[in-house]
C-alpha atoms as a PDB file:
ATOM      1  CA  MET A   1       0.000   0.000   0.000  1.00  0.00           C
ATOM      2  CA  PRO A   2       1.576   3.352  -0.994  1.00  0.00           C
ATOM      3  CA  TYR A   3       2.081   6.046   1.609  1.00  0.00           C
ATOM      4  CA  PRO A   4       0.677   9.512   1.073  1.00  0.00           C
ATOM      5  CA  ALA A   5       2.975  11.688  -1.016  1.00  0.00           C
ATOM      6  CA  LYS A   6       1.443  14.620   0.809  1.00  0.00           C
ATOM      7  CA  THR A   7       4.221  14.739   3.375  1.00  0.00           C
ATOM      8  CA  SER A   8       7.852  13.943   4.064  1.00  0.00           C
ATOM      9  CA  ALA A   9      10.024  13.434   7.121  1.00  0.00           C
ATOM     10  CA  GLY A  10      11.376  16.960   6.627  1.00  0.00           C
ATOM     11  CA  GLN A  11       7.917  18.529   6.538  1.00  0.00           C
ATOM     12  CA  ILE A  12       6.881  16.595   9.612  1.00  0.00           C
ATOM     13  CA  LEU A  13      10.023  17.632  11.464  1.00  0.00           C
ATOM     14  CA  ALA A  14       9.569  21.314  10.530  1.00  0.00           C
ATOM     15  CA  ALA A  15       5.955  21.261  11.723  1.00  0.00           C
ATOM     16  CA  ALA A  16       7.006  19.453  14.923  1.00  0.00           C
ATOM     17  CA  VAL A  17       9.618  22.128  15.664  1.00  0.00           C
ATOM     18  CA  THR A  18       6.978  24.810  15.133  1.00  0.00           C
ATOM     19  CA  LEU A  19       4.567  23.072  17.515  1.00  0.00           C
ATOM     20  CA  LEU A  20       7.326  22.574  20.074  1.00  0.00           C
ATOM     21  CA  GLU A  21       8.329  26.229  19.918  1.00  0.00           C
ATOM     22  CA  ARG A  22       4.694  27.266  20.237  1.00  0.00           C
ATOM     23  CA  GLY A  23       3.610  24.981  23.088  1.00  0.00           C
ATOM     24  CA  GLY A  24       6.639  23.258  24.600  1.00  0.00           C
ATOM     25  CA  GLN A  25       6.960  19.499  24.881  1.00  0.00           C
ATOM     26  CA  ALA A  26       3.398  19.149  26.151  1.00  0.00           C
ATOM     27  CA  GLY A  27       2.173  20.908  23.009  1.00  0.00           C
ATOM     28  CA  LEU A  28       3.893  18.478  20.676  1.00  0.00           C
ATOM     29  CA  THR A  29       1.587  15.496  20.267  1.00  0.00           C
ATOM     30  CA  ILE A  30       1.118  13.116  17.369  1.00  0.00           C
ATOM     31  CA  ARG A  31      -2.546  14.122  17.059  1.00  0.00           C
ATOM     32  CA  GLY A  32      -1.721  17.840  17.184  1.00  0.00           C
ATOM     33  CA  LEU A  33       1.042  17.402  14.637  1.00  0.00           C
ATOM     34  CA  ALA A  34      -1.232  15.426  12.327  1.00  0.00           C
ATOM     35  CA  ALA A  35      -3.876  18.143  12.592  1.00  0.00           C
ATOM     36  CA  GLU A  36      -1.262  20.814  11.813  1.00  0.00           C
ATOM     37  CA  LEU A  37      -0.266  18.884   8.681  1.00  0.00           C
ATOM     38  CA  GLN A  38      -3.876  17.987   7.801  1.00  0.00           C
ATOM     39  CA  LEU A  39      -3.091  14.278   7.994  1.00  0.00           C
ATOM     40  CA  THR A  40      -4.372  11.393  10.031  1.00  0.00           C
ATOM     41  CA  PRO A  41      -2.148  10.432  12.970  1.00  0.00           C
ATOM     42  CA  ASN A  42      -1.458   7.053  11.347  1.00  0.00           C
ATOM     43  CA  ALA A  43       0.209   8.801   8.393  1.00  0.00           C
ATOM     44  CA  LEU A  44       2.970  10.041  10.740  1.00  0.00           C
ATOM     45  CA  TYR A  45       3.888   6.630  12.099  1.00  0.00           C
ATOM     46  CA  ARG A  46       5.689   5.705   8.871  1.00  0.00           C
ATOM     47  CA  TYR A  47       8.270   8.356   9.686  1.00  0.00           C
ATOM     48  CA  TYR A  48       8.160   8.381  13.481  1.00  0.00           C
ATOM     49  CA  PRO A  49       6.844   5.189  15.094  1.00  0.00           C
ATOM     50  CA  SER A  50       6.192   6.907  18.442  1.00  0.00           C
ATOM     51  CA  ARG A  51       6.079  10.288  20.122  1.00  0.00           C
ATOM     52  CA  GLU A  52       9.423   9.470  21.740  1.00  0.00           C
ATOM     53  CA  ALA A  53      10.985   8.875  18.318  1.00  0.00           C
ATOM     54  CA  LEU A  54       9.567  12.196  17.145  1.00  0.00           C
ATOM     55  CA  LEU A  55      10.910  14.020  20.221  1.00  0.00           C
ATOM     56  CA  SER A  56      14.322  12.428  19.650  1.00  0.00           C
ATOM     57  CA  ALA A  57      14.343  13.617  16.043  1.00  0.00           C
ATOM     58  CA  VAL A  58      13.341  17.136  17.101  1.00  0.00           C
ATOM     59  CA  ALA A  59      16.034  17.139  19.807  1.00  0.00           C
ATOM     60  CA  ALA A  60      18.619  16.033  17.248  1.00  0.00           C
ATOM     61  CA  HIS A  61      17.429  18.795  14.924  1.00  0.00           C
ATOM     62  CA  GLY A  62      17.941  21.302  17.741  1.00  0.00           C
ATOM     63  CA  ALA A  63      21.396  19.894  18.376  1.00  0.00           C
ATOM     64  CA  GLY A  64      22.154  20.296  14.679  1.00  0.00           C
ATOM     65  CA  VAL A  65      21.039  23.933  14.720  1.00  0.00           C
ATOM     66  CA  LEU A  66      23.189  24.602  17.784  1.00  0.00           C
ATOM     67  CA  LEU A  67      26.156  22.812  16.195  1.00  0.00           C
ATOM     68  CA  ALA A  68      25.798  24.852  12.996  1.00  0.00           C
ATOM     69  CA  ASN A  69      25.652  28.087  14.996  1.00  0.00           C
ATOM     70  CA  LEU A  70      28.695  27.147  17.082  1.00  0.00           C
ATOM     71  CA  SER A  71      30.599  26.027  13.977  1.00  0.00           C
ATOM     72  CA  ARG A  72      30.299  29.503  12.458  1.00  0.00           C
ATOM     73  CA  VAL A  73      32.065  31.058  15.433  1.00  0.00           C
ATOM     74  CA  ALA A  74      35.820  31.464  15.396  1.00  0.00           C
ATOM     75  CA  GLY A  75      37.910  30.082  18.243  1.00  0.00           C
ATOM     76  CA  ASP A  76      36.936  32.848  20.690  1.00  0.00           C
ATOM     77  CA  PRO A  77      35.293  31.203  23.745  1.00  0.00           C
ATOM     78  CA  GLY A  78      33.319  34.390  24.390  1.00  0.00           C
ATOM     79  CA  ALA A  79      31.718  34.218  20.946  1.00  0.00           C
ATOM     80  CA  LEU A  80      31.057  30.514  21.488  1.00  0.00           C
ATOM     81  CA  ALA A  81      29.300  31.335  24.764  1.00  0.00           C
ATOM     82  CA  ASP A  82      27.279  34.085  23.077  1.00  0.00           C
ATOM     83  CA  GLN A  83      26.067  31.669  20.385  1.00  0.00           C
ATOM     84  CA  TYR A  84      25.090  29.079  22.987  1.00  0.00           C
ATOM     85  CA  LEU A  85      23.109  31.636  24.989  1.00  0.00           C
ATOM     86  CA  ARG A  86      21.503  33.064  21.854  1.00  0.00           C
ATOM     87  CA  PHE A  87      20.265  29.590  20.915  1.00  0.00           C
ATOM     88  CA  ALA A  88      18.869  29.014  24.430  1.00  0.00           C
ATOM     89  CA  ARG A  89      17.123  32.397  24.441  1.00  0.00           C
ATOM     90  CA  GLU A  90      15.738  32.275  20.897  1.00  0.00           C
ATOM     91  CA  HIS A  91      14.618  28.638  21.017  1.00  0.00           C
ATOM     92  CA  PRO A  92      13.705  27.931  24.654  1.00  0.00           C
ATOM     93  CA  ALA A  93      11.563  24.848  24.008  1.00  0.00           C
ATOM     94  CA  LEU A  94      14.099  23.383  21.582  1.00  0.00           C
ATOM     95  CA  TYR A  95      16.867  24.087  24.107  1.00  0.00           C
ATOM     96  CA  ASP A  96      14.895  22.391  26.890  1.00  0.00           C
ATOM     97  CA  LEU A  97      14.300  19.327  24.736  1.00  0.00           C
ATOM     98  CA  TYR A  98      17.970  19.285  23.717  1.00  0.00           C
ATOM     99  CA  MET A  99      18.976  19.328  27.376  1.00  0.00           C
ATOM    100  CA  THR A 100      16.554  16.603  28.504  1.00  0.00           C
ATOM    101  CA  CYS A 101      16.174  14.159  25.613  1.00  0.00           C
ATOM    102  CA  GLY A 102      18.053  10.989  26.388  1.00  0.00           C
ATOM    103  CA  ASN A 103      16.415   8.661  23.877  1.00  0.00           C
ATOM    104  CA  LEU A 104      18.632   9.251  20.837  1.00  0.00           C
ATOM    105  CA  ASN A 105      19.599   6.769  18.160  1.00  0.00           C
ATOM    106  CA  ALA A 106      23.234   6.400  17.032  1.00  0.00           C
ATOM    107  CA  GLU A 107      22.947   8.995  14.263  1.00  0.00           C
ATOM    108  CA  GLN A 108      21.371  11.527  16.607  1.00  0.00           C
ATOM    109  CA  GLN A 109      23.932  10.827  19.318  1.00  0.00           C
ATOM    110  CA  HIS A 110      26.628  11.537  16.735  1.00  0.00           C
ATOM    111  CA  ILE A 111      25.340  15.128  16.382  1.00  0.00           C
ATOM    112  CA  TYR A 112      25.584  15.565  20.142  1.00  0.00           C
ATOM    113  CA  SER A 113      29.129  14.151  20.092  1.00  0.00           C
ATOM    114  CA  GLN A 114      30.128  16.524  17.295  1.00  0.00           C
ATOM    115  CA  THR A 115      28.918  19.483  19.358  1.00  0.00           C
ATOM    116  CA  TRP A 116      30.900  18.292  22.358  1.00  0.00           C
ATOM    117  CA  SER A 117      34.038  17.742  20.262  1.00  0.00           C
ATOM    118  CA  LEU A 118      33.737  21.186  18.690  1.00  0.00           C
ATOM    119  CA  VAL A 119      33.561  22.918  22.078  1.00  0.00           C
ATOM    120  CA  VAL A 120      36.470  20.874  23.466  1.00  0.00           C
ATOM    121  CA  GLU A 121      38.598  21.697  20.413  1.00  0.00           C
ATOM    122  CA  ARG A 122      37.748  25.396  20.590  1.00  0.00           C
ATOM    123  CA  LEU A 123      38.822  25.449  24.241  1.00  0.00           C
ATOM    124  CA  ARG A 124      42.018  23.425  23.706  1.00  0.00           C
ATOM    125  CA  PRO A 125      44.241  26.455  22.865  1.00  0.00           C
ATOM    126  CA  LEU A 126      43.164  28.083  26.095  1.00  0.00           C
ATOM    127  CA  ALA A 127      42.834  25.099  28.418  1.00  0.00           C
ATOM    128  CA  GLY A 128      45.334  22.642  26.943  1.00  0.00           C
ATOM    129  CA  PRO A 129      45.013  19.209  28.527  1.00  0.00           C
ATOM    130  CA  HIS A 130      42.122  20.497  30.648  1.00  0.00           C
ATOM    131  CA  SER A 131      39.913  21.273  27.636  1.00  0.00           C
ATOM    132  CA  GLN A 132      37.295  18.630  28.487  1.00  0.00           C
ATOM    133  CA  ALA A 133      37.008  19.868  32.060  1.00  0.00           C
ATOM    134  CA  ALA A 134      36.899  23.422  30.708  1.00  0.00           C
ATOM    135  CA  ALA A 135      34.077  22.482  28.333  1.00  0.00           C
ATOM    136  CA  ILE A 136      32.011  21.010  31.184  1.00  0.00           C
ATOM    137  CA  THR A 137      32.717  24.068  33.342  1.00  0.00           C
ATOM    138  CA  LEU A 138      31.716  26.464  30.565  1.00  0.00           C
ATOM    139  CA  TRP A 139      28.616  24.418  29.788  1.00  0.00           C
ATOM    140  CA  ALA A 140      27.566  24.353  33.452  1.00  0.00           C
ATOM    141  CA  TYR A 141      28.109  28.110  33.740  1.00  0.00           C
ATOM    142  CA  LEU A 142      26.077  28.893  30.614  1.00  0.00           C
ATOM    143  CA  HIS A 143      23.312  26.452  31.501  1.00  0.00           C
ATOM    144  CA  GLY A 144      23.161  28.025  34.946  1.00  0.00           C
ATOM    145  CA  LEU A 145      22.814  31.493  33.415  1.00  0.00           C
ATOM    146  CA  VAL A 146      19.935  30.282  31.251  1.00  0.00           C
ATOM    147  CA  GLY A 147      18.226  28.835  34.326  1.00  0.00           C
ATOM    148  CA  LEU A 148      18.697  32.017  36.350  1.00  0.00           C
ATOM    149  CA  GLU A 149      17.337  34.165  33.533  1.00  0.00           C
ATOM    150  CA  ARG A 150      14.274  31.956  33.165  1.00  0.00           C
ATOM    151  CA  SER A 151      13.607  31.906  36.891  1.00  0.00           C
ATOM    152  CA  GLY A 152      13.354  35.699  36.934  1.00  0.00           C
ATOM    153  CA  VAL A 153      16.261  36.065  39.340  1.00  0.00           C
ATOM    154  CA  TYR A 154      17.446  39.171  37.494  1.00  0.00           C
ATOM    155  CA  GLU A 155      14.112  40.881  38.051  1.00  0.00           C
ATOM    156  CA  GLY A 156      13.106  42.738  41.180  1.00  0.00           C
ATOM    157  CA  PRO A 157      14.000  45.738  43.284  1.00  0.00           C
ATOM    158  CA  GLU A 158      17.636  44.715  43.782  1.00  0.00           C
ATOM    159  CA  ASN A 159      18.382  45.521  40.118  1.00  0.00           C
ATOM    160  CA  LYS A 160      20.973  42.830  39.791  1.00  0.00           C
ATOM    161  CA  PRO A 161      23.648  43.572  37.184  1.00  0.00           C
ATOM    162  CA  ARG A 162      22.864  42.389  33.657  1.00  0.00           C
ATOM    163  CA  ASP A 163      26.563  42.158  32.736  1.00  0.00           C
ATOM    164  CA  THR A 164      26.859  38.958  34.761  1.00  0.00           C
ATOM    165  CA  GLN A 165      27.470  36.977  31.577  1.00  0.00           C
ATOM    166  CA  SER A 166      30.605  38.852  30.528  1.00  0.00           C
ATOM    167  CA  PHE A 167      31.877  39.225  34.088  1.00  0.00           C
ATOM    168  CA  GLY A 168      31.489  35.531  34.901  1.00  0.00           C
ATOM    169  CA  LEU A 169      32.869  34.434  31.558  1.00  0.00           C
ATOM    170  CA  GLY A 170      35.857  36.733  32.067  1.00  0.00           C
ATOM    171  CA  LEU A 171      36.573  35.101  35.430  1.00  0.00           C
ATOM    172  CA  LEU A 172      36.178  31.629  33.960  1.00  0.00           C
ATOM    173  CA  LEU A 173      38.506  32.365  31.048  1.00  0.00           C
ATOM    174  CA  ALA A 174      41.092  34.015  33.311  1.00  0.00           C
ATOM    175  CA  GLY A 175      41.041  30.901  35.470  1.00  0.00           C
ATOM    176  CA  LEU A 176      41.527  28.694  32.416  1.00  0.00           C
ATOM    177  CA  ARG A 177      44.445  30.817  31.244  1.00  0.00           C
ATOM    178  CA  SER A 178      46.124  30.528  34.622  1.00  0.00           C
ATOM    179  CA  GLN A 179      45.666  26.736  34.560  1.00  0.00           C
ATOM    180  CA  SER A 180      47.352  26.438  31.158  1.00  0.00           C
ATOM    181  CA  GLU A 181      50.378  28.544  32.130  1.00  0.00           C
END
């Protein structure tokens, strides 16, 4: 029995990303996606046999977008950090899925590994043999900033400084430089 030529894996993925960005993970359902594409839910199962498979594909897509953005940045760790934060701020639902999806197939895991390798390599000139530890430290710092921003910690009568990102990154990079000397 032929499958409907009305859709493709790419169209489904694009619509899934749109739904995710609009309503978060709870807003991305097979039925909702099928309705968005004007298909029956069964038509989607050819491409994604379950919601978990769909979420994994969307997470891998997000990882690919992040990897492409990071790849365009020169070796400057500050620019790398800016790209990471820009992705988290511009695509909050995609970022959340990227950070929580653990059900990836080998191809999808490869995208995650490429992102990790890129960051480690970009930090190697600064951190030398400590580049993997530096990558984890930078990642934890940036992820923490995203969490603090989302929690509203920067709001309120205390008027906390908004230059925390550059100040903290400066301290982190100075510490890395001192470790490599």
